[in-house]
């Protein structure tokens, strides 16, 4: 069995410099209320490998099955997201 590497061991063997940090994804917590007053909670996510996805907390609105739903939802909430950073 191999022992796990330690911080000290890596720093002894390598000079490590972080040259850049790049966000590769995000999650937005949203509520969506339809015309009948039904409230849907969801977490919209995106990552650079898999694109958009959505987790629904309490039911799924019918429109969400249509193409580009997640993209348009992200676009609509982009300005409000800037205020939450």
N, C-alpha and C. Protein backbone atom coordinates (compact mmCIF):
# COMPACT_ATOMS: atom_id res chain seq x y z
N UNK A 1 0.84 -1.19 0.00
CA UNK A 1 0.00 0.00 0.00
C UNK A 1 0.88 1.25 0.00
N UNK A 2 0.56 2.18 -0.85
CA UNK A 2 1.31 3.42 -0.96
C UNK A 2 0.74 4.45 0.01
N UNK A 3 1.63 5.18 0.67
CA UNK A 3 1.17 6.21 1.59
C UNK A 3 0.74 7.45 0.81
N UNK A 4 -0.19 8.21 1.38
CA UNK A 4 -0.65 9.41 0.69
C UNK A 4 0.42 10.49 0.72
N UNK A 5 0.40 11.29 -0.31
CA UNK A 5 1.38 12.37 -0.44
C UNK A 5 1.07 13.46 0.58
N UNK A 6 2.09 14.14 1.05
CA UNK A 6 1.89 15.23 2.00
C UNK A 6 2.24 16.56 1.35
N UNK A 7 1.75 17.61 1.95
CA UNK A 7 2.04 18.97 1.49
C UNK A 7 3.55 19.22 1.51
N UNK A 8 4.19 18.87 2.61
CA UNK A 8 5.62 19.11 2.76
C UNK A 8 6.42 18.37 1.69
N UNK A 9 6.03 17.13 1.43
CA UNK A 9 6.72 16.33 0.42
C UNK A 9 6.61 16.96 -0.97
N UNK A 10 5.42 17.42 -1.33
CA UNK A 10 5.25 18.06 -2.64
C UNK A 10 6.04 19.35 -2.74
N UNK A 11 6.04 20.15 -1.66
CA UNK A 11 6.77 21.41 -1.71
C UNK A 11 8.29 21.20 -1.71
N UNK A 12 8.72 20.10 -1.17
CA UNK A 12 10.15 19.76 -1.21
C UNK A 12 10.57 19.36 -2.63
N UNK A 13 9.67 18.69 -3.35
CA UNK A 13 9.98 18.17 -4.68
C UNK A 13 9.69 19.13 -5.83
N UNK A 14 8.74 20.03 -5.63
CA UNK A 14 8.30 20.88 -6.73
C UNK A 14 8.22 22.34 -6.31
N UNK A 15 8.42 23.22 -7.29
CA UNK A 15 8.08 24.62 -7.12
C UNK A 15 6.70 24.77 -7.77
N UNK A 16 5.70 25.12 -6.99
CA UNK A 16 4.32 25.15 -7.48
C UNK A 16 3.83 26.59 -7.52
N UNK A 17 3.38 27.03 -8.70
CA UNK A 17 2.89 28.38 -8.89
C UNK A 17 1.54 28.30 -9.59
N UNK A 18 0.53 28.91 -9.03
CA UNK A 18 -0.77 29.00 -9.68
C UNK A 18 -0.73 30.19 -10.62
N UNK A 19 -0.86 29.95 -11.92
CA UNK A 19 -0.76 31.03 -12.89
C UNK A 19 -2.10 31.63 -13.27
N UNK A 20 -3.19 30.89 -13.02
CA UNK A 20 -4.51 31.41 -13.36
C UNK A 20 -5.56 30.51 -12.73
N UNK A 21 -6.66 31.10 -12.32
CA UNK A 21 -7.82 30.35 -11.87
C UNK A 21 -8.97 30.68 -12.81
N UNK A 22 -9.61 29.65 -13.35
CA UNK A 22 -10.70 29.87 -14.30
C UNK A 22 -11.96 29.14 -13.81
N UNK A 23 -13.03 29.87 -13.53
CA UNK A 23 -14.27 29.20 -13.18
C UNK A 23 -14.74 28.33 -14.34
N UNK A 24 -15.15 27.13 -14.06
CA UNK A 24 -15.58 26.22 -15.12
C UNK A 24 -17.04 25.85 -15.00
N UNK A 25 -17.76 26.51 -14.09
CA UNK A 25 -19.17 26.21 -13.93
C UNK A 25 -19.83 27.15 -12.94
N UNK A 26 -21.15 27.04 -12.82
CA UNK A 26 -21.88 27.83 -11.83
C UNK A 26 -23.17 27.11 -11.49
N UNK A 27 -23.79 27.55 -10.38
CA UNK A 27 -25.12 27.11 -9.97
C UNK A 27 -25.89 28.35 -9.56
N UNK A 28 -27.12 28.47 -10.05
CA UNK A 28 -28.03 29.54 -9.65
C UNK A 28 -29.24 28.91 -8.98
N UNK A 29 -29.60 29.39 -7.80
CA UNK A 29 -30.80 28.93 -7.10
C UNK A 29 -31.93 29.88 -7.48
N UNK A 30 -32.99 29.34 -8.07
CA UNK A 30 -34.05 30.17 -8.62
C UNK A 30 -35.43 29.71 -8.15
N UNK A 31 -36.37 30.65 -8.15
CA UNK A 31 -37.79 30.32 -8.05
C UNK A 31 -38.47 30.86 -9.29
N UNK A 32 -39.39 30.07 -9.81
CA UNK A 32 -40.14 30.43 -11.02
C UNK A 32 -41.62 30.30 -10.67
N UNK A 33 -42.37 31.37 -10.84
CA UNK A 33 -43.80 31.34 -10.54
C UNK A 33 -44.58 31.49 -11.84
N UNK A 34 -45.51 30.54 -12.10
CA UNK A 34 -46.28 30.61 -13.34
C UNK A 34 -47.51 31.49 -13.17
N UNK A 35 -48.29 31.66 -14.22
CA UNK A 35 -49.46 32.54 -14.21
C UNK A 35 -50.53 32.11 -13.22
N UNK A 36 -50.55 30.81 -12.86
CA UNK A 36 -51.52 30.30 -11.89
C UNK A 36 -51.02 30.41 -10.46
N UNK A 37 -49.84 30.98 -10.28
CA UNK A 37 -49.27 31.14 -8.94
C UNK A 37 -48.52 29.93 -8.43
N UNK A 38 -48.30 28.94 -9.27
CA UNK A 38 -47.54 27.76 -8.86
C UNK A 38 -46.05 28.13 -8.86
N UNK A 39 -45.41 27.86 -7.73
CA UNK A 39 -44.00 28.21 -7.57
C UNK A 39 -43.14 26.96 -7.72
N UNK A 40 -42.15 27.05 -8.59
CA UNK A 40 -41.20 25.97 -8.82
C UNK A 40 -39.84 26.44 -8.30
N UNK A 41 -39.19 25.60 -7.54
CA UNK A 41 -37.83 25.88 -7.10
C UNK A 41 -36.86 25.05 -7.90
N UNK A 42 -35.73 25.64 -8.25
CA UNK A 42 -34.76 24.87 -9.04
C UNK A 42 -33.35 25.40 -8.82
N UNK A 43 -32.41 24.58 -9.25
CA UNK A 43 -31.00 24.96 -9.30
C UNK A 43 -30.54 24.78 -10.73
N UNK A 44 -30.28 25.88 -11.39
CA UNK A 44 -29.78 25.88 -12.76
C UNK A 44 -28.26 25.79 -12.68
N UNK A 45 -27.69 24.86 -13.41
CA UNK A 45 -26.24 24.74 -13.39
C UNK A 45 -25.68 24.69 -14.81
N UNK A 46 -24.40 25.04 -14.90
CA UNK A 46 -23.67 24.98 -16.16
C UNK A 46 -22.24 24.61 -15.83
N UNK A 47 -21.64 23.76 -16.65
CA UNK A 47 -20.21 23.55 -16.57
C UNK A 47 -19.65 23.40 -17.99
N UNK A 48 -18.37 23.66 -18.11
CA UNK A 48 -17.78 23.73 -19.45
C UNK A 48 -17.74 22.38 -20.18
N UNK A 49 -17.93 21.29 -19.46
CA UNK A 49 -17.89 19.98 -20.11
C UNK A 49 -19.27 19.49 -20.55
N UNK A 50 -20.28 19.72 -19.71
CA UNK A 50 -21.61 19.16 -19.97
C UNK A 50 -22.67 20.19 -20.35
N UNK A 51 -22.35 21.47 -20.27
CA UNK A 51 -23.33 22.50 -20.61
C UNK A 51 -24.35 22.70 -19.50
N UNK A 52 -25.57 23.06 -19.88
CA UNK A 52 -26.63 23.37 -18.92
C UNK A 52 -27.35 22.13 -18.42
N UNK A 53 -27.84 22.25 -17.21
CA UNK A 53 -28.72 21.25 -16.62
C UNK A 53 -29.54 21.94 -15.54
N UNK A 54 -30.56 21.26 -15.05
CA UNK A 54 -31.40 21.86 -14.03
C UNK A 54 -31.92 20.77 -13.09
N UNK A 55 -31.90 21.05 -11.80
CA UNK A 55 -32.47 20.18 -10.78
C UNK A 55 -33.74 20.86 -10.27
N UNK A 56 -34.85 20.16 -10.33
CA UNK A 56 -36.12 20.71 -9.86
C UNK A 56 -36.37 20.23 -8.44
N UNK A 57 -36.79 21.14 -7.57
CA UNK A 57 -37.03 20.81 -6.17
C UNK A 57 -38.47 20.36 -5.90
N UNK A 58 -39.43 20.86 -6.66
CA UNK A 58 -40.83 20.58 -6.34
C UNK A 58 -41.72 20.66 -7.58
N UNK A 59 -41.61 19.72 -8.44
CA UNK A 59 -42.39 19.73 -9.67
C UNK A 59 -41.60 20.31 -10.82
N UNK A 60 -42.09 20.04 -12.03
CA UNK A 60 -41.40 20.48 -13.24
C UNK A 60 -42.40 21.18 -14.15
N UNK A 61 -42.17 22.44 -14.49
CA UNK A 61 -43.09 23.13 -15.40
C UNK A 61 -42.99 22.54 -16.81
N UNK A 62 -44.12 22.39 -17.50
CA UNK A 62 -44.11 21.77 -18.84
C UNK A 62 -43.16 22.44 -19.83
N UNK A 63 -43.05 23.74 -19.78
CA UNK A 63 -42.20 24.46 -20.74
C UNK A 63 -40.72 24.06 -20.61
N UNK A 64 -40.33 23.55 -19.46
CA UNK A 64 -38.91 23.25 -19.23
C UNK A 64 -38.37 22.14 -20.12
N UNK A 65 -39.25 21.38 -20.75
CA UNK A 65 -38.81 20.30 -21.65
C UNK A 65 -38.43 20.81 -23.04
N UNK A 66 -38.72 22.07 -23.32
CA UNK A 66 -38.44 22.62 -24.65
C UNK A 66 -36.97 23.00 -24.80
N UNK A 67 -36.45 22.93 -26.03
CA UNK A 67 -35.05 23.30 -26.27
C UNK A 67 -34.78 24.76 -25.85
N UNK A 68 -33.59 24.97 -25.35
CA UNK A 68 -33.07 26.29 -24.96
C UNK A 68 -33.67 26.85 -23.67
N UNK A 69 -34.49 26.08 -22.95
CA UNK A 69 -35.11 26.57 -21.72
C UNK A 69 -34.05 27.04 -20.72
N UNK A 70 -33.04 26.21 -20.47
CA UNK A 70 -32.01 26.56 -19.49
C UNK A 70 -31.21 27.79 -19.93
N UNK A 71 -30.87 27.85 -21.21
CA UNK A 71 -30.11 28.99 -21.72
C UNK A 71 -30.88 30.30 -21.54
N UNK A 72 -32.17 30.29 -21.90
CA UNK A 72 -32.98 31.51 -21.76
C UNK A 72 -33.15 31.88 -20.29
N UNK A 73 -33.33 30.88 -19.42
CA UNK A 73 -33.44 31.14 -17.99
C UNK A 73 -32.15 31.78 -17.47
N UNK A 74 -31.02 31.30 -17.90
CA UNK A 74 -29.74 31.90 -17.51
C UNK A 74 -29.65 33.33 -18.01
N UNK A 75 -30.04 33.55 -19.25
CA UNK A 75 -29.99 34.89 -19.84
C UNK A 75 -30.87 35.87 -19.07
N UNK A 76 -32.09 35.46 -18.75
CA UNK A 76 -33.02 36.33 -18.01
C UNK A 76 -32.47 36.69 -16.64
N UNK A 77 -31.80 35.76 -15.99
CA UNK A 77 -31.32 35.98 -14.62
C UNK A 77 -29.90 36.53 -14.56
N UNK A 78 -29.27 36.75 -15.67
CA UNK A 78 -27.87 37.19 -15.66
C UNK A 78 -27.69 38.52 -14.92
N UNK A 79 -28.52 39.50 -15.17
CA UNK A 79 -28.37 40.79 -14.49
C UNK A 79 -28.60 40.67 -13.00
N UNK A 80 -29.59 39.90 -12.59
CA UNK A 80 -29.85 39.75 -11.15
C UNK A 80 -28.74 38.96 -10.48
N UNK A 81 -28.08 38.05 -11.22
CA UNK A 81 -26.99 37.27 -10.66
C UNK A 81 -25.80 38.16 -10.30
N UNK A 82 -25.56 39.20 -11.06
CA UNK A 82 -24.43 40.10 -10.79
C UNK A 82 -24.58 40.77 -9.44
N UNK A 83 -25.80 41.00 -9.00
CA UNK A 83 -26.04 41.64 -7.71
C UNK A 83 -25.80 40.71 -6.54
N UNK A 84 -25.73 39.39 -6.78
CA UNK A 84 -25.56 38.42 -5.71
C UNK A 84 -24.12 37.98 -5.52
N UNK A 85 -23.18 38.55 -6.23
CA UNK A 85 -21.78 38.14 -6.13
C UNK A 85 -21.07 38.85 -5.01
